[in-house]
Amino acid sequence: MSETVAKRAVRTKPASRKVTARKPGSREASAPEALAPKKALERTSPSSPPTSLAERQAEKRDAILNAALDEFSASGFASARLDDVARRAGVAKGTIYLYFRDKESLFQELVRSMVSPIVGRIEAAGAADLPARFVAETIAALFANEIFGTRREALLRLIITEGPRFPRIAEFYFHEVIERVVPAMRGLMSRAVARGELKHDALARFPQLLVAPALMAVVWSGLFGRFAPLDIRELLRAHIDLLFGERSAT
C-alpha cells in the first residue's frame, strides 16, 4: 500500500516552472520598461489538457498559427505550402480551412494576434499626456522586451523580406500597423515641439526616425547577428540620447 501511495505522490507532483535566463548585458526593468506589461509570446504548454470544445479549438488554431510562422520564416511566403503548415501543426490539411480561408488570411491573423496588441499600446502611449522622451523610452523598452529576439521579430523580418514581392501583405501591414503608429507618434512629437521638449520639428515631420534603429536592428540580427550581436537596449538608449539629449547625471 505504501508503494501505491508513493506512486500517486510522484504522479501528482506539480510541474516545475521553467526559468529563462536574462540575456548578457541586460539590466533590471526601469520605469518605462515596467509600464509595458509582460505577456507570453513564445509557445507555451498548458499545465493541463483543454477540456471544453472551445479550448481545444483555440489550442488547435494557435498551433496552426505557430506552424505557419515557422513555415513562412523557413520557406518564404511564396514557397510555403499549407501541407507543410499542417505537418508542423500536427493536423490534417483540411483542418486549416476550418479556421483560415487561405495562406494570406493566415498571415493576416498572425499580424492581428501578434502585432496589433503592441500597436494598441503604442497608440495609447502616444495619446497620453506624457513627456515625449518618456514615451520614446517606453516604446524602446517594449521593442527590447517583446519584439527583438522573439517570434514577433521573425514576423517583422518576414514583412521586410517578403513585402516587396507580395504587395498585398505589405499593404495589409501598412493599414494594420503603420497607419496607426505613425499618426500617433506625429501627434506626440508635435505636442513635444509646442511644449519646448524638442528643439526642432524633425521628429514631428518624420516620426519614422523614432523607430529607424529598431528596424535596422532586425535587419542586422538576421544578416550579421551571428558575427556581431547587438546590445539592443544600449543601441536604443544611445538613439534616444541623440534625439532628446543626454540625461543629466542627477
Foldseek 3Di string as FASTA:
>chain_A
DVVVVVVVCVVPDQDDDDDDDDDPPDDDDDPLLVVDDDDDDDDDDDSDDDDDPVSVLVLLLVLLLVLLLVQCLVPNLVRRDLCSSCVSSVHHSVVVVVPAVDSLRSLLVNCCVQPLVVQVVLLVLLPDPDALLSSLLNNLSCCVRRQPPGSNLSSVVSCVVCCVVPVVSVVSCCVRHVVRNLVSQLSSLVVCVVVVQFPDSPCNVPVVLSCVVVSVLSVCCVPPCVPPNDPSSVVNLVSSCVGRNDDDPD
